[in-house]
Amino acid sequence: MVKNRQSAAAILEVEFQAPIGSPSGVQVLTLGELRSRNLAMLARLQRLHFHQLITPAKGRLGFMVDFVDYTAEPGSWLWVRPGEVGRWGDLTDVEGSLILFEDDFLDPDTAETARINEPGAPTLYTPENGGESLRMARTHLEHEFRALGTLPLPVHLSAMRHLLAVLAIRLSHTGTTRSPAGEANETFRRFRHAVERDFARTRRVEDYAAQLGYSPRTLARAAFAATGMGAKEFIDRRIILEAKRLLAHSDHTAAKIANDLGFNDATNFSKYFHQRTRQTPIAFRTKVRQR
């Protein structure tokens, strides 16, 4: 399934590797199969370099993603994305499905429609009315994956790509609590991508407004409509997430992390981090490595 390399901070870097004889770019297996193959690895913090879709059919699954604990029950889904740090909970009494796929397995238009790498996208999805369409899409995808050899390989891959597209699109548009429309949605989309690109360069809403040709109030309204938080808080949360990742994934000093995130010095970075998390960077690093 995967090949691993260990970082200085003992976070497993997990890369996609298709099993021998299986098509590259996608894999479908049961949680029972995962449990029998990788039990020791599952207890470790790991950063994925591919997408992981998980849905229990029996039992309650705990899963930590980027320092937040989630619980998935039958019918719900977890979507762990490349670059996120996760750790599995106890799988002893849990059954269900796991779908792995690489970024470039889906075509660009589908990837955009399915929001596969959208910053701030949900991790836990709970479909209304039981998610029958998602169950059907998952079942069909599992069947096609295990039917390797019944079609020419290019045809099989095309079928897998289309079936995964249906699942990813339906899942990404499930359980959205806020649905900004029209101009406000496009404004937030542009703001979100600008923040993802430039959060280490600037933390000022005014800079993003000038860059994108909006007023700061317009960005504030768009951010609130899409996320329920203001534009400044959206920026701050992205920086704090990156700081937490650097603290957890590396042995860089506070001064190095401060520089990487655009702070003048370690003191300013520590103050910023403490104001928003109620703990110092060193205290956070110590705590997360004890988990």
C-alpha atoms as a PDB file:
ATOM      1  CA  MET A   1       0.000   0.000   0.000  1.00  0.00           C
ATOM      2  CA  VAL A   2       2.582   2.532   1.062  1.00  0.00           C
ATOM      3  CA  LYS A   3       6.271   3.058   1.580  1.00  0.00           C
ATOM      4  CA  ASN A   4       7.509   5.074   4.538  1.00  0.00           C
ATOM      5  CA  ARG A   5      10.433   7.244   5.514  1.00  0.00           C
ATOM      6  CA  GLN A   6      10.963   8.474   9.057  1.00  0.00           C
ATOM      7  CA  SER A   7      11.551  12.149   9.813  1.00  0.00           C
ATOM      8  CA  ALA A   8      13.735  13.582  12.547  1.00  0.00           C
ATOM      9  CA  ALA A   9      10.606  14.213  14.621  1.00  0.00           C
ATOM     10  CA  ALA A  10       9.469  10.563  14.272  1.00  0.00           C
ATOM     11  CA  ILE A  11       6.531  11.478  12.036  1.00  0.00           C
ATOM     12  CA  LEU A  12       6.088   8.842   9.362  1.00  0.00           C
ATOM     13  CA  GLU A  13       6.058  10.261   5.828  1.00  0.00           C
ATOM     14  CA  VAL A  14       3.640   7.988   3.977  1.00  0.00           C
ATOM     15  CA  GLU A  15       3.779   7.828   0.194  1.00  0.00           C
ATOM     16  CA  PHE A  16       1.422   6.006  -2.141  1.00  0.00           C
ATOM     17  CA  GLN A  17       2.599   2.755  -3.663  1.00  0.00           C
ATOM     18  CA  ALA A  18       0.199   0.514  -5.509  1.00  0.00           C
ATOM     19  CA  PRO A  19       0.419  -3.195  -4.671  1.00  0.00           C
ATOM     20  CA  ILE A  20       1.986  -5.436  -7.293  1.00  0.00           C
ATOM     21  CA  GLY A  21      -0.475  -6.154 -10.061  1.00  0.00           C
ATOM     22  CA  SER A  22      -2.828  -3.308  -9.151  1.00  0.00           C
ATOM     23  CA  PRO A  23      -3.350  -0.105 -11.150  1.00  0.00           C
ATOM     24  CA  SER A  24      -1.314   2.902 -10.119  1.00  0.00           C
ATOM     25  CA  GLY A  25      -2.950   5.898  -8.485  1.00  0.00           C
ATOM     26  CA  VAL A  26      -5.841   4.297  -6.606  1.00  0.00           C
ATOM     27  CA  GLN A  27      -6.407   1.468  -4.140  1.00  0.00           C
ATOM     28  CA  VAL A  28      -9.514   0.136  -2.357  1.00  0.00           C
ATOM     29  CA  LEU A  29      -9.342  -2.144   0.678  1.00  0.00           C
ATOM     30  CA  THR A  30     -11.294  -3.062   3.766  1.00  0.00           C
ATOM     31  CA  LEU A  31     -10.336  -1.888   7.236  1.00  0.00           C
ATOM     32  CA  GLY A  32      -9.827  -5.563   8.069  1.00  0.00           C
ATOM     33  CA  GLU A  33      -7.201  -5.829   5.324  1.00  0.00           C
ATOM     34  CA  LEU A  34      -5.536  -2.652   6.584  1.00  0.00           C
ATOM     35  CA  ARG A  35      -5.553  -3.965  10.145  1.00  0.00           C
ATOM     36  CA  SER A  36      -3.787  -7.170   9.116  1.00  0.00           C
ATOM     37  CA  ARG A  37      -1.090  -5.396   7.097  1.00  0.00           C
ATOM     38  CA  ASN A  38      -0.112  -2.232   8.944  1.00  0.00           C
ATOM     39  CA  LEU A  39      -1.159  -2.464  12.578  1.00  0.00           C
ATOM     40  CA  ALA A  40       2.142  -1.165  14.009  1.00  0.00           C
ATOM     41  CA  MET A  41       2.254   1.783  11.601  1.00  0.00           C
ATOM     42  CA  LEU A  42      -1.324   2.825  12.347  1.00  0.00           C
ATOM     43  CA  ALA A  43      -0.407   3.760  15.926  1.00  0.00           C
ATOM     44  CA  ARG A  44       2.131   6.306  14.671  1.00  0.00           C
ATOM     45  CA  LEU A  45       1.640   9.921  13.664  1.00  0.00           C
ATOM     46  CA  GLN A  46       1.867  10.003   9.889  1.00  0.00           C
ATOM     47  CA  ARG A  47       1.760  12.586   7.147  1.00  0.00           C
ATOM     48  CA  LEU A  48       0.120  11.359   3.977  1.00  0.00           C
ATOM     49  CA  HIS A  49       1.165  12.203   0.428  1.00  0.00           C
ATOM     50  CA  PHE A  50      -2.137  11.019  -1.036  1.00  0.00           C
ATOM     51  CA  HIS A  51      -5.868  11.163  -0.259  1.00  0.00           C
ATOM     52  CA  GLN A  52      -7.504   8.763   2.179  1.00  0.00           C
ATOM     53  CA  LEU A  53     -11.293   8.247   2.270  1.00  0.00           C
ATOM     54  CA  ILE A  54     -12.521   6.187   5.218  1.00  0.00           C
ATOM     55  CA  THR A  55     -16.058   5.053   6.014  1.00  0.00           C
ATOM     56  CA  PRO A  56     -16.957   2.636   8.837  1.00  0.00           C
ATOM     57  CA  ALA A  57     -19.668   0.043   8.302  1.00  0.00           C
ATOM     58  CA  LYS A  58     -19.498  -1.274  11.871  1.00  0.00           C
ATOM     59  CA  GLY A  59     -18.199   0.326  15.057  1.00  0.00           C
ATOM     60  CA  ARG A  60     -16.950   3.838  15.847  1.00  0.00           C
ATOM     61  CA  LEU A  61     -13.591   4.920  14.462  1.00  0.00           C
ATOM     62  CA  GLY A  62     -11.456   7.537  16.170  1.00  0.00           C
ATOM     63  CA  PHE A  63      -8.976   9.418  13.999  1.00  0.00           C
ATOM     64  CA  MET A  64      -6.758  12.417  14.739  1.00  0.00           C
ATOM     65  CA  VAL A  65      -6.134  14.840  11.858  1.00  0.00           C
ATOM     66  CA  ASP A  66      -3.915  17.884  12.300  1.00  0.00           C
ATOM     67  CA  PHE A  67      -4.273  17.800  16.101  1.00  0.00           C
ATOM     68  CA  VAL A  68      -8.093  17.513  16.050  1.00  0.00           C
ATOM     69  CA  ASP A  69      -9.792  14.289  17.196  1.00  0.00           C
ATOM     70  CA  TYR A  70     -12.675  13.010  15.053  1.00  0.00           C
ATOM     71  CA  THR A  71     -15.094  10.117  15.506  1.00  0.00           C
ATOM     72  CA  ALA A  72     -16.618   8.466  12.442  1.00  0.00           C
ATOM     73  CA  GLU A  73     -19.673   6.262  12.806  1.00  0.00           C
ATOM     74  CA  PRO A  74     -21.328   3.990  10.225  1.00  0.00           C
ATOM     75  CA  GLY A  75     -22.513   6.124   7.313  1.00  0.00           C
ATOM     76  CA  SER A  76     -20.069   8.954   7.933  1.00  0.00           C
ATOM     77  CA  TRP A  77     -16.822   9.598   6.066  1.00  0.00           C
ATOM     78  CA  LEU A  78     -13.353  10.887   6.889  1.00  0.00           C
ATOM     79  CA  TRP A  79     -11.306  12.590   4.172  1.00  0.00           C
ATOM     80  CA  VAL A  80      -7.610  12.916   5.049  1.00  0.00           C
ATOM     81  CA  ARG A  81      -5.724  14.983   2.477  1.00  0.00           C
ATOM     82  CA  PRO A  82      -2.078  15.153   1.358  1.00  0.00           C
ATOM     83  CA  GLY A  83       0.100  17.063   3.818  1.00  0.00           C
ATOM     84  CA  GLU A  84      -2.195  16.497   6.795  1.00  0.00           C
ATOM     85  CA  VAL A  85      -0.922  14.655   9.845  1.00  0.00           C
ATOM     86  CA  GLY A  86      -3.110  11.837  11.093  1.00  0.00           C
ATOM     87  CA  ARG A  87      -3.191   8.898  13.449  1.00  0.00           C
ATOM     88  CA  TRP A  88      -5.630   6.016  13.545  1.00  0.00           C
ATOM     89  CA  GLY A  89      -7.582   5.150  16.651  1.00  0.00           C
ATOM     90  CA  ASP A  90      -8.355   1.611  17.771  1.00  0.00           C
ATOM     91  CA  LEU A  91      -9.442  -0.510  14.797  1.00  0.00           C
ATOM     92  CA  THR A  92     -10.099  -3.699  16.768  1.00  0.00           C
ATOM     93  CA  ASP A  93     -13.901  -3.653  16.478  1.00  0.00           C
ATOM     94  CA  VAL A  94     -14.273  -1.460  13.389  1.00  0.00           C
ATOM     95  CA  GLU A  95     -15.105  -2.677   9.888  1.00  0.00           C
ATOM     96  CA  GLY A  96     -15.485  -0.574   6.789  1.00  0.00           C
ATOM     97  CA  SER A  97     -13.803   0.683   3.640  1.00  0.00           C
ATOM     98  CA  LEU A  98     -10.652   2.623   2.830  1.00  0.00           C
ATOM     99  CA  ILE A  99     -10.027   4.309  -0.522  1.00  0.00           C
ATOM    100  CA  LEU A 100      -6.600   5.751  -1.342  1.00  0.00           C
ATOM    101  CA  PHE A 101      -5.843   7.876  -4.387  1.00  0.00           C
ATOM    102  CA  GLU A 102      -3.170  10.246  -5.632  1.00  0.00           C
ATOM    103  CA  ASP A 103      -3.774  13.861  -6.597  1.00  0.00           C
ATOM    104  CA  ASP A 104      -3.294  13.328 -10.307  1.00  0.00           C
ATOM    105  CA  PHE A 105      -5.502  10.232 -10.622  1.00  0.00           C
ATOM    106  CA  LEU A 106      -8.546  12.433 -11.229  1.00  0.00           C
ATOM    107  CA  ASP A 107      -8.554  14.816 -14.169  1.00  0.00           C
ATOM    108  CA  PRO A 108      -8.048  18.538 -13.354  1.00  0.00           C
ATOM    109  CA  ASP A 109     -11.674  19.546 -13.960  1.00  0.00           C
ATOM    110  CA  THR A 110     -12.951  16.802 -11.667  1.00  0.00           C
ATOM    111  CA  ALA A 111     -10.349  17.653  -9.028  1.00  0.00           C
ATOM    112  CA  GLU A 112     -11.552  21.262  -9.048  1.00  0.00           C
ATOM    113  CA  THR A 113     -15.238  20.288  -8.909  1.00  0.00           C
ATOM    114  CA  ALA A 114     -14.570  17.823  -6.084  1.00  0.00           C
ATOM    115  CA  ARG A 115     -12.472  20.379  -4.156  1.00  0.00           C
ATOM    116  CA  ILE A 116      -9.938  17.675  -3.450  1.00  0.00           C
ATOM    117  CA  ASN A 117      -7.297  20.042  -2.090  1.00  0.00           C
ATOM    118  CA  GLU A 118      -9.427  22.962  -0.960  1.00  0.00           C
ATOM    119  CA  PRO A 119      -7.831  24.647   2.077  1.00  0.00           C
ATOM    120  CA  GLY A 120     -10.123  24.423   5.049  1.00  0.00           C
ATOM    121  CA  ALA A 121     -12.277  21.669   3.532  1.00  0.00           C
ATOM    122  CA  PRO A 122     -14.037  19.444   6.093  1.00  0.00           C
ATOM    123  CA  THR A 123     -12.449  16.266   7.381  1.00  0.00           C
ATOM    124  CA  LEU A 124     -15.612  14.598   8.709  1.00  0.00           C
ATOM    125  CA  TYR A 125     -18.705  14.286   6.505  1.00  0.00           C
ATOM    126  CA  THR A 126     -22.067  13.066   7.806  1.00  0.00           C
ATOM    127  CA  PRO A 127     -24.508  12.641   4.895  1.00  0.00           C
ATOM    128  CA  GLU A 128     -28.199  13.253   5.424  1.00  0.00           C
ATOM    129  CA  ASN A 129     -30.675  10.389   4.976  1.00  0.00           C
ATOM    130  CA  GLY A 130     -28.003   7.730   5.334  1.00  0.00           C
ATOM    131  CA  GLY A 131     -25.932   8.638   2.259  1.00  0.00           C
ATOM    132  CA  GLU A 132     -27.377   5.990  -0.045  1.00  0.00           C
ATOM    133  CA  SER A 133     -25.779   7.551  -3.152  1.00  0.00           C
ATOM    134  CA  LEU A 134     -22.371   7.465  -1.460  1.00  0.00           C
ATOM    135  CA  ARG A 135     -22.837   3.820  -0.474  1.00  0.00           C
ATOM    136  CA  MET A 136     -23.712   2.918  -4.050  1.00  0.00           C
ATOM    137  CA  ALA A 137     -20.726   4.822  -5.419  1.00  0.00           C
ATOM    138  CA  ARG A 138     -18.393   3.161  -2.905  1.00  0.00           C
ATOM    139  CA  THR A 139     -19.768  -0.314  -3.645  1.00  0.00           C
ATOM    140  CA  HIS A 140     -19.391   0.132  -7.399  1.00  0.00           C
ATOM    141  CA  LEU A 141     -15.829   1.459  -6.989  1.00  0.00           C
ATOM    142  CA  GLU A 142     -14.868  -1.485  -4.740  1.00  0.00           C
ATOM    143  CA  HIS A 143     -16.339  -3.966  -7.217  1.00  0.00           C
ATOM    144  CA  GLU A 144     -14.488  -2.432 -10.156  1.00  0.00           C
ATOM    145  CA  PHE A 145     -11.181  -2.346  -8.258  1.00  0.00           C
ATOM    146  CA  ARG A 146     -11.434  -6.059  -7.471  1.00  0.00           C
ATOM    147  CA  ALA A 147     -12.452  -6.845 -11.061  1.00  0.00           C
ATOM    148  CA  LEU A 148      -8.952  -6.108 -12.380  1.00  0.00           C
ATOM    149  CA  GLY A 149      -8.302  -8.286 -15.401  1.00  0.00           C
ATOM    150  CA  THR A 150     -11.884  -8.484 -16.622  1.00  0.00           C
ATOM    151  CA  LEU A 151     -11.310  -5.458 -18.883  1.00  0.00           C
ATOM    152  CA  PRO A 152      -8.261  -4.169 -20.759  1.00  0.00           C
ATOM    153  CA  LEU A 153      -6.157  -2.187 -18.285  1.00  0.00           C
ATOM    154  CA  PRO A 154      -6.727   1.267 -19.920  1.00  0.00           C
ATOM    155  CA  VAL A 155     -10.488   0.632 -19.872  1.00  0.00           C
ATOM    156  CA  HIS A 156     -10.339  -0.559 -16.265  1.00  0.00           C
ATOM    157  CA  LEU A 157      -8.415   2.578 -15.237  1.00  0.00           C
ATOM    158  CA  SER A 158     -10.914   4.791 -17.040  1.00  0.00           C
ATOM    159  CA  ALA A 159     -13.792   3.094 -15.225  1.00  0.00           C
ATOM    160  CA  MET A 160     -12.007   3.492 -11.870  1.00  0.00           C
ATOM    161  CA  ARG A 161     -11.340   7.165 -12.591  1.00  0.00           C
ATOM    162  CA  HIS A 162     -14.978   7.850 -13.416  1.00  0.00           C
ATOM    163  CA  LEU A 163     -16.325   5.933 -10.426  1.00  0.00           C
ATOM    164  CA  LEU A 164     -13.935   7.691  -8.046  1.00  0.00           C
ATOM    165  CA  ALA A 165     -14.971  11.013  -9.584  1.00  0.00           C
ATOM    166  CA  VAL A 166     -18.619  10.328  -8.744  1.00  0.00           C
ATOM    167  CA  LEU A 167     -17.735   9.421  -5.160  1.00  0.00           C
ATOM    168  CA  ALA A 168     -15.393  12.384  -4.616  1.00  0.00           C
ATOM    169  CA  ILE A 169     -17.812  14.925  -6.103  1.00  0.00           C
ATOM    170  CA  ARG A 170     -20.771  13.635  -4.093  1.00  0.00           C
ATOM    171  CA  LEU A 171     -18.758  13.470  -0.877  1.00  0.00           C
ATOM    172  CA  SER A 172     -17.212  16.930  -1.242  1.00  0.00           C
ATOM    173  CA  HIS A 173     -20.676  18.471  -1.636  1.00  0.00           C
ATOM    174  CA  THR A 174     -22.163  16.618   1.339  1.00  0.00           C
ATOM    175  CA  GLY A 175     -23.007  18.186   4.667  1.00  0.00           C
ATOM    176  CA  THR A 176     -22.017  21.748   3.811  1.00  0.00           C
ATOM    177  CA  THR A 177     -23.295  24.004   6.588  1.00  0.00           C
ATOM    178  CA  ARG A 178     -22.776  27.222   4.667  1.00  0.00           C
ATOM    179  CA  SER A 179     -23.234  27.660   0.940  1.00  0.00           C
ATOM    180  CA  PRO A 180     -22.269  31.118  -0.288  1.00  0.00           C
ATOM    181  CA  ALA A 181     -23.465  31.813  -3.781  1.00  0.00           C
ATOM    182  CA  GLY A 182     -22.385  33.791  -6.791  1.00  0.00           C
ATOM    183  CA  GLU A 183     -19.998  36.686  -6.321  1.00  0.00           C
ATOM    184  CA  ALA A 184     -19.376  36.067  -2.611  1.00  0.00           C
ATOM    185  CA  ASN A 185     -18.348  32.466  -3.320  1.00  0.00           C
ATOM    186  CA  GLU A 186     -15.899  33.524  -6.061  1.00  0.00           C
ATOM    187  CA  THR A 187     -14.470  36.259  -3.830  1.00  0.00           C
ATOM    188  CA  PHE A 188     -13.756  33.796  -1.039  1.00  0.00           C
ATOM    189  CA  ARG A 189     -12.283  31.279  -3.468  1.00  0.00           C
ATOM    190  CA  ARG A 190      -9.785  33.861  -4.705  1.00  0.00           C
ATOM    191  CA  PHE A 191      -9.026  35.000  -1.156  1.00  0.00           C
ATOM    192  CA  ARG A 192      -8.535  31.424   0.049  1.00  0.00           C
ATOM    193  CA  HIS A 193      -6.041  30.626  -2.713  1.00  0.00           C
ATOM    194  CA  ALA A 194      -4.187  33.892  -2.120  1.00  0.00           C
ATOM    195  CA  VAL A 195      -3.852  33.059   1.575  1.00  0.00           C
ATOM    196  CA  GLU A 196      -2.624  29.564   0.773  1.00  0.00           C
ATOM    197  CA  ARG A 197       0.026  31.037  -1.492  1.00  0.00           C
ATOM    198  CA  ASP A 198       1.105  34.037   0.597  1.00  0.00           C
ATOM    199  CA  PHE A 199       0.351  33.383   4.288  1.00  0.00           C
ATOM    200  CA  ALA A 200       4.079  33.254   5.057  1.00  0.00           C
ATOM    201  CA  ARG A 201       4.547  36.639   3.396  1.00  0.00           C
ATOM    202  CA  THR A 202       1.731  38.680   4.929  1.00  0.00           C
ATOM    203  CA  ARG A 203      -0.879  38.396   7.673  1.00  0.00           C
ATOM    204  CA  ARG A 204      -2.698  41.629   6.760  1.00  0.00           C
ATOM    205  CA  VAL A 205      -6.202  41.526   5.289  1.00  0.00           C
ATOM    206  CA  GLU A 206      -5.449  44.879   3.626  1.00  0.00           C
ATOM    207  CA  ASP A 207      -2.613  43.315   1.612  1.00  0.00           C
ATOM    208  CA  TYR A 208      -4.864  40.566   0.263  1.00  0.00           C
ATOM    209  CA  ALA A 209      -7.590  43.095  -0.521  1.00  0.00           C
ATOM    210  CA  ALA A 210      -5.161  45.244  -2.509  1.00  0.00           C
ATOM    211  CA  GLN A 211      -3.757  42.200  -4.293  1.00  0.00           C
ATOM    212  CA  LEU A 212      -7.192  40.925  -5.315  1.00  0.00           C
ATOM    213  CA  GLY A 213      -8.882  44.250  -6.012  1.00  0.00           C
ATOM    214  CA  TYR A 214     -11.456  44.081  -3.202  1.00  0.00           C
ATOM    215  CA  SER A 215     -12.064  46.154  -0.125  1.00  0.00           C
ATOM    216  CA  PRO A 216     -11.167  44.613   3.261  1.00  0.00           C
ATOM    217  CA  ARG A 217     -14.884  44.681   4.158  1.00  0.00           C
ATOM    218  CA  THR A 218     -15.716  42.646   1.042  1.00  0.00           C
ATOM    219  CA  LEU A 219     -13.169  39.995   1.996  1.00  0.00           C
ATOM    220  CA  ALA A 220     -14.491  39.978   5.565  1.00  0.00           C
ATOM    221  CA  ARG A 221     -18.074  39.410   4.360  1.00  0.00           C
ATOM    222  CA  ALA A 222     -17.030  36.683   1.908  1.00  0.00           C
ATOM    223  CA  ALA A 223     -14.946  34.865   4.519  1.00  0.00           C
ATOM    224  CA  PHE A 224     -17.741  34.984   7.072  1.00  0.00           C
ATOM    225  CA  ALA A 225     -20.336  33.741   4.577  1.00  0.00           C
ATOM    226  CA  ALA A 226     -18.118  30.789   3.635  1.00  0.00           C
ATOM    227  CA  THR A 227     -16.595  29.849   6.984  1.00  0.00           C
ATOM    228  CA  GLY A 228     -18.352  31.699   9.789  1.00  0.00           C
ATOM    229  CA  MET A 229     -15.158  33.572  10.680  1.00  0.00           C
ATOM    230  CA  GLY A 230     -13.637  36.879   9.632  1.00  0.00           C
ATOM    231  CA  ALA A 231     -10.884  37.279   7.062  1.00  0.00           C
ATOM    232  CA  LYS A 232      -8.209  37.985   9.687  1.00  0.00           C
ATOM    233  CA  GLU A 233      -9.132  34.917  11.707  1.00  0.00           C
ATOM    234  CA  PHE A 234      -9.056  32.824   8.538  1.00  0.00           C
ATOM    235  CA  ILE A 235      -5.491  33.999   7.855  1.00  0.00           C
ATOM    236  CA  ASP A 236      -4.431  33.481  11.464  1.00  0.00           C
ATOM    237  CA  ARG A 237      -5.812  29.946  11.577  1.00  0.00           C
ATOM    238  CA  ARG A 238      -3.882  29.002   8.434  1.00  0.00           C
ATOM    239  CA  ILE A 239      -0.652  30.333   9.927  1.00  0.00           C
ATOM    240  CA  ILE A 240      -1.231  28.570  13.240  1.00  0.00           C
ATOM    241  CA  LEU A 241      -1.924  25.290  11.447  1.00  0.00           C
ATOM    242  CA  GLU A 242       1.351  25.618   9.542  1.00  0.00           C
ATOM    243  CA  ALA A 243       3.187  26.510  12.741  1.00  0.00           C
ATOM    244  CA  LYS A 244       1.771  23.422  14.451  1.00  0.00           C
ATOM    245  CA  ARG A 245       2.788  21.246  11.526  1.00  0.00           C
ATOM    246  CA  LEU A 246       6.342  22.602  11.597  1.00  0.00           C
ATOM    247  CA  LEU A 247       6.570  22.189  15.346  1.00  0.00           C
ATOM    248  CA  ALA A 248       5.288  18.618  15.164  1.00  0.00           C
ATOM    249  CA  HIS A 249       7.011  17.484  11.949  1.00  0.00           C
ATOM    250  CA  SER A 250      10.470  18.972  12.353  1.00  0.00           C
ATOM    251  CA  ASP A 251      13.167  19.760  14.854  1.00  0.00           C
ATOM    252  CA  HIS A 252      13.489  23.362  13.623  1.00  0.00           C
ATOM    253  CA  THR A 253      14.051  25.979  16.282  1.00  0.00           C
ATOM    254  CA  ALA A 254      11.405  28.580  17.068  1.00  0.00           C
ATOM    255  CA  ALA A 255      13.628  31.135  15.318  1.00  0.00           C
ATOM    256  CA  LYS A 256      13.728  29.054  12.115  1.00  0.00           C
ATOM    257  CA  ILE A 257       9.969  28.479  12.158  1.00  0.00           C
ATOM    258  CA  ALA A 258       9.387  32.177  12.848  1.00  0.00           C
ATOM    259  CA  ASN A 259      11.481  33.060   9.811  1.00  0.00           C
ATOM    260  CA  ASP A 260       9.727  30.470   7.617  1.00  0.00           C
ATOM    261  CA  LEU A 261       6.353  31.982   8.554  1.00  0.00           C
ATOM    262  CA  GLY A 262       7.379  35.592   7.964  1.00  0.00           C
ATOM    263  CA  PHE A 263       7.913  36.798  11.533  1.00  0.00           C
ATOM    264  CA  ASN A 264      10.703  39.216  12.395  1.00  0.00           C
ATOM    265  CA  ASP A 265      11.963  37.118  15.297  1.00  0.00           C
ATOM    266  CA  ALA A 266      11.149  34.195  17.560  1.00  0.00           C
ATOM    267  CA  THR A 267       9.730  36.443  20.282  1.00  0.00           C
ATOM    268  CA  ASN A 268       7.027  37.884  18.020  1.00  0.00           C
ATOM    269  CA  PHE A 269       6.198  34.425  16.714  1.00  0.00           C
ATOM    270  CA  SER A 270       5.924  32.983  20.230  1.00  0.00           C
ATOM    271  CA  LYS A 271       3.664  35.830  21.338  1.00  0.00           C
ATOM    272  CA  TYR A 272       1.439  35.395  18.251  1.00  0.00           C
ATOM    273  CA  PHE A 273       1.253  31.624  18.798  1.00  0.00           C
ATOM    274  CA  HIS A 274       0.488  31.958  22.509  1.00  0.00           C
ATOM    275  CA  GLN A 275      -2.266  34.531  21.957  1.00  0.00           C
ATOM    276  CA  ARG A 276      -4.099  32.167  19.616  1.00  0.00           C
ATOM    277  CA  THR A 277      -3.462  28.775  21.238  1.00  0.00           C
ATOM    278  CA  ARG A 278      -2.941  29.634  24.917  1.00  0.00           C
ATOM    279  CA  GLN A 279       0.362  27.747  24.899  1.00  0.00           C
ATOM    280  CA  THR A 280       3.932  28.449  23.858  1.00  0.00           C
ATOM    281  CA  PRO A 281       5.423  26.803  20.750  1.00  0.00           C
ATOM    282  CA  ILE A 282       7.740  24.695  22.921  1.00  0.00           C
ATOM    283  CA  ALA A 283       4.866  23.583  25.162  1.00  0.00           C
ATOM    284  CA  PHE A 284       2.853  22.585  22.089  1.00  0.00           C
ATOM    285  CA  ARG A 285       5.775  20.621  20.620  1.00  0.00           C
ATOM    286  CA  THR A 286       6.351  18.809  23.895  1.00  0.00           C
ATOM    287  CA  LYS A 287       2.664  17.921  24.250  1.00  0.00           C
ATOM    288  CA  VAL A 288       2.142  16.697  20.696  1.00  0.00           C
ATOM    289  CA  ARG A 289       5.201  14.443  20.829  1.00  0.00           C
ATOM    290  CA  GLN A 290       3.911  12.798  23.966  1.00  0.00           C
ATOM    291  CA  ARG A 291       0.650  11.737  22.315  1.00  0.00           C
END
